[in-house]
Amino acid sequence: MLTRRLIMPIALIAVAMVSAVACADSLLREERTVIVNGIAETWQLRWAKPPSSYCGPESVLKAISCPCRGFAYGETGTLLLVRLRGNTEVERLNLSPLYQEWNDRNQSFLGADGDGAALPHWPMNDSDFDRESNGDKTLLAEIKNRPPTQIMQLADYDHDGQATEFLIPVAAPTCEDGTYYVAVGVSKDNPHLHGLAPADDPKDPFVIRR
């Protein structure tokens, strides 16, 4: 009985500590462990400052439109990919320039600093539009309590034997085209964070449609 009484308060304290850390680091969008050349690293997607809503849950009708495909329910701002070993930062990459070509065509991506990226945050359910249409006042709060959409789904896109790349959505030009993505990560040929690109033009990353 004594053991049981002790364990429950300790568990509650642990949960409270985790919640406090999450609240304290509100700019952290996602964190994953990545194995690079046999070494465990921590990769973080971070906002440089609090992001703004983009294709957000405030309007489901807008979020289901074609330009929002791949971004709902999302956020926009200056987005960083940070790479750490232990508690030491190895490098960081500003991902926002990967969106720049599309920023020129779609001003919705441009933040106040002219350097915007966008990512989906909360998943969309099929029933959301009907609930909004029926005036469900609980919908917005429920959406924001859903587990966040995972962005860093690691895979071996450059076929070098290591799952050290993931896709970020950069555009949804038309309904027919769907969403365009760029693969970001490290490779054996280029051990630094970068967007995957052809060898003869490394500054022009491949855009993948799916």
Protein backbone atom coordinates (compact mmCIF):
# COMPACT_ATOMS: atom_id res chain seq x y z
CA MET A 1 0.00 0.00 0.00
CA LEU A 2 2.82 2.38 0.88
CA THR A 3 4.56 1.68 -2.45
CA ARG A 4 1.38 2.41 -4.35
CA ARG A 5 0.91 5.72 -2.54
CA LEU A 6 4.45 6.78 -3.37
CA ILE A 7 4.39 5.79 -7.04
CA MET A 8 1.27 7.77 -7.98
CA PRO A 9 2.56 11.19 -6.81
CA ILE A 10 5.94 10.52 -8.47
CA ALA A 11 4.21 9.65 -11.76
CA LEU A 12 2.13 12.81 -11.57
CA ILE A 13 5.24 14.90 -10.92
CA ALA A 14 6.98 13.30 -13.93
CA VAL A 15 4.03 14.12 -16.20
CA ALA A 16 3.97 17.69 -14.92
CA MET A 17 7.70 18.08 -15.57
CA VAL A 18 7.37 16.84 -19.18
CA SER A 19 4.45 19.21 -19.76
CA ALA A 20 6.42 22.11 -18.31
CA VAL A 21 9.38 21.40 -20.60
CA ALA A 22 7.08 21.23 -23.65
CA CYS A 23 5.47 24.54 -22.72
CA ALA A 24 8.87 26.15 -22.10
CA ASP A 25 10.07 25.13 -25.57
CA SER A 26 7.06 26.24 -27.60
CA LEU A 27 9.20 26.81 -30.72
CA LEU A 28 10.09 23.11 -30.99
CA ARG A 29 7.86 21.58 -33.66
CA GLU A 30 9.31 18.07 -33.71
CA GLU A 31 12.31 16.07 -32.48
CA ARG A 32 13.64 12.73 -33.71
CA THR A 33 16.64 10.48 -33.13
CA VAL A 34 18.56 9.87 -36.37
CA ILE A 35 21.43 7.39 -36.85
CA VAL A 36 24.14 8.95 -39.03
CA ASN A 37 27.17 6.74 -39.78
CA GLY A 38 26.35 4.67 -36.70
CA ILE A 39 26.13 7.69 -34.38
CA ALA A 40 22.85 8.71 -32.72
CA GLU A 41 21.93 12.34 -33.32
CA THR A 42 18.93 14.45 -32.35
CA TRP A 43 17.27 16.42 -35.14
CA GLN A 44 14.83 19.19 -34.34
CA LEU A 45 12.40 21.15 -36.45
CA ARG A 46 12.21 24.55 -34.79
CA TRP A 47 10.44 27.82 -35.49
CA ALA A 48 12.70 30.86 -35.20
CA LYS A 49 9.79 32.69 -33.54
CA PRO A 50 6.15 31.83 -32.82
CA PRO A 51 4.54 30.80 -36.13
CA SER A 52 1.28 32.10 -37.59
CA SER A 53 -1.67 29.99 -38.62
CA TYR A 54 -1.62 28.74 -42.23
CA CYS A 55 -4.55 26.76 -43.62
CA GLY A 56 -5.45 26.52 -39.95
CA PRO A 57 -8.40 24.94 -38.15
CA GLU A 58 -10.05 28.33 -37.69
CA SER A 59 -11.67 27.72 -41.11
CA VAL A 60 -12.10 24.11 -42.19
CA LEU A 61 -13.67 25.31 -45.45
CA LYS A 62 -10.42 27.09 -46.37
CA ALA A 63 -8.24 24.27 -45.07
CA ILE A 64 -9.81 21.71 -47.43
CA SER A 65 -9.20 23.91 -50.51
CA CYS A 66 -6.60 22.90 -53.10
CA PRO A 67 -3.86 25.43 -52.09
CA CYS A 68 -3.96 23.96 -48.57
CA ARG A 69 -3.42 20.38 -49.70
CA GLY A 70 -0.47 19.04 -47.72
CA PHE A 71 -0.47 22.00 -45.28
CA ALA A 72 -3.72 21.76 -43.28
CA TYR A 73 -4.00 22.35 -40.39
CA GLY A 74 -0.73 24.23 -40.46
CA GLU A 75 1.55 27.04 -39.42
CA THR A 76 3.92 29.39 -41.21
CA GLY A 77 7.12 31.18 -40.22
CA THR A 78 10.90 30.88 -40.40
CA LEU A 79 11.68 27.17 -40.03
CA LEU A 80 15.00 25.68 -38.88
CA LEU A 81 16.36 22.14 -38.94
CA VAL A 82 18.78 21.77 -36.02
CA ARG A 83 21.19 18.86 -35.63
CA LEU A 84 22.65 17.89 -32.24
CA ARG A 85 24.98 15.25 -30.83
CA GLY A 86 24.32 14.99 -27.15
CA ASN A 87 23.67 18.56 -26.04
CA THR A 88 26.03 20.06 -28.63
CA GLU A 89 24.63 21.65 -31.76
CA VAL A 90 26.45 20.39 -34.86
CA GLU A 91 24.74 22.60 -37.44
CA ARG A 92 21.45 24.14 -38.44
CA LEU A 93 19.75 24.76 -41.78
CA ASN A 94 17.17 27.44 -42.49
CA LEU A 95 14.53 25.55 -44.48
CA SER A 96 12.57 28.64 -45.50
CA PRO A 97 14.64 29.35 -48.67
CA LEU A 98 13.54 25.95 -50.03
CA TYR A 99 10.08 27.50 -50.29
CA GLN A 100 11.31 30.68 -51.97
CA GLU A 101 10.49 29.70 -55.56
CA TRP A 102 6.92 29.08 -54.46
CA ASN A 103 6.85 32.21 -52.30
CA ASP A 104 7.28 34.24 -55.47
CA ARG A 105 4.15 32.66 -56.91
CA ASN A 106 2.03 32.39 -53.78
CA GLN A 107 2.25 35.36 -51.44
CA SER A 108 0.40 33.42 -48.73
CA PHE A 109 3.70 31.79 -47.79
CA LEU A 110 5.45 35.08 -47.15
CA GLY A 111 5.70 35.93 -43.48
CA ALA A 112 6.30 39.39 -42.10
CA ASP A 113 10.03 38.86 -42.55
CA GLY A 114 9.64 37.73 -46.17
CA ASP A 115 11.11 34.33 -45.34
CA GLY A 116 8.22 31.94 -44.81
CA ALA A 117 7.92 28.17 -44.63
CA ALA A 118 4.79 26.16 -43.85
CA LEU A 119 4.10 22.82 -42.20
CA PRO A 120 0.94 20.94 -41.27
CA HIS A 121 0.50 20.69 -37.52
CA TRP A 122 -2.75 18.91 -36.60
CA PRO A 123 -4.34 16.10 -38.64
CA MET A 124 -7.69 16.61 -40.37
CA ASN A 125 -10.65 14.28 -39.81
CA ASP A 126 -13.29 13.59 -42.46
CA SER A 127 -16.03 14.81 -40.13
CA ASP A 128 -14.48 18.24 -39.45
CA PHE A 129 -16.27 20.10 -42.23
CA ASP A 130 -19.71 18.78 -41.24
CA ARG A 131 -19.04 19.64 -37.61
CA GLU A 132 -18.00 23.20 -38.52
CA SER A 133 -21.05 23.59 -40.78
CA ASN A 134 -23.28 22.47 -37.92
CA GLY A 135 -21.76 25.09 -35.62
CA ASP A 136 -19.84 22.74 -33.32
CA LYS A 137 -18.17 25.10 -30.82
CA THR A 138 -15.89 22.37 -29.47
CA LEU A 139 -14.21 21.59 -32.80
CA LEU A 140 -11.32 24.09 -32.71
CA ALA A 141 -10.19 23.12 -29.22
CA GLU A 142 -10.45 19.42 -30.08
CA ILE A 143 -8.33 19.82 -33.23
CA LYS A 144 -5.61 21.61 -31.27
CA ASN A 145 -5.54 18.73 -28.78
CA ARG A 146 -4.87 16.14 -31.48
CA PRO A 147 -1.37 14.61 -31.63
CA PRO A 148 0.73 16.61 -34.13
CA THR A 149 1.28 15.33 -37.65
CA GLN A 150 4.73 13.72 -37.92
CA ILE A 151 6.95 15.51 -40.43
CA MET A 152 10.30 13.72 -40.07
CA GLN A 153 9.38 10.35 -41.58
CA LEU A 154 12.92 9.24 -42.27
CA ALA A 155 13.82 7.23 -45.37
CA ASP A 156 16.76 6.57 -47.69
CA TYR A 157 15.80 8.85 -50.58
CA ASP A 158 19.33 9.09 -52.03
CA HIS A 159 19.96 5.31 -51.81
CA ASP A 160 23.20 5.59 -49.82
CA GLY A 161 22.15 2.95 -47.29
CA GLN A 162 21.10 5.38 -44.55
CA ALA A 163 17.59 6.59 -43.67
CA THR A 164 18.71 10.18 -43.11
CA GLU A 165 16.27 12.18 -45.24
CA PHE A 166 12.65 13.25 -44.89
CA LEU A 167 10.15 15.18 -47.01
CA ILE A 168 8.83 18.68 -46.37
CA PRO A 169 5.89 20.08 -48.38
CA VAL A 170 6.85 23.21 -50.33
CA ALA A 171 3.86 23.87 -52.60
CA ALA A 172 0.42 22.81 -53.80
CA PRO A 173 0.28 24.56 -57.20
CA THR A 174 -3.02 23.13 -58.49
CA CYS A 175 -5.69 20.61 -57.54
CA GLU A 176 -4.45 18.30 -60.31
CA ASP A 177 -0.78 18.44 -59.30
CA GLY A 178 -1.29 17.74 -55.60
CA THR A 179 1.52 18.58 -53.16
CA TYR A 180 5.17 19.13 -54.04
CA TYR A 181 7.93 18.09 -51.61
CA VAL A 182 11.68 18.48 -51.16
CA ALA A 183 13.78 15.80 -49.43
CA VAL A 184 16.02 17.20 -46.68
CA GLY A 185 18.81 15.56 -44.68
CA VAL A 186 22.39 14.37 -44.98
CA SER A 187 24.08 11.87 -47.29
CA LYS A 188 27.44 10.15 -47.59
CA ASP A 189 28.35 12.42 -50.50
CA ASN A 190 27.28 15.53 -48.59
CA PRO A 191 27.45 15.09 -44.79
CA HIS A 192 25.90 18.51 -44.12
CA LEU A 193 22.18 19.31 -43.91
CA HIS A 194 20.85 20.11 -47.38
CA GLY A 195 17.98 19.66 -49.80
CA LEU A 196 18.60 16.71 -52.13
CA ALA A 197 19.64 18.04 -55.55
CA PRO A 198 21.33 16.87 -58.77
CA ALA A 199 25.11 16.67 -58.58
CA ASP A 200 25.58 19.22 -61.36
CA ASP A 201 23.30 21.80 -59.68
CA PRO A 202 23.38 21.31 -55.88
CA LYS A 203 21.63 24.63 -55.22
CA ASP A 204 18.47 23.54 -57.06
CA PRO A 205 16.85 20.71 -55.03
CA PHE A 206 14.63 18.12 -56.62
CA VAL A 207 10.91 18.80 -56.24
CA ILE A 208 8.96 15.57 -55.72
CA ARG A 209 5.26 15.40 -56.53
CA ARG A 210 2.95 13.02 -54.70
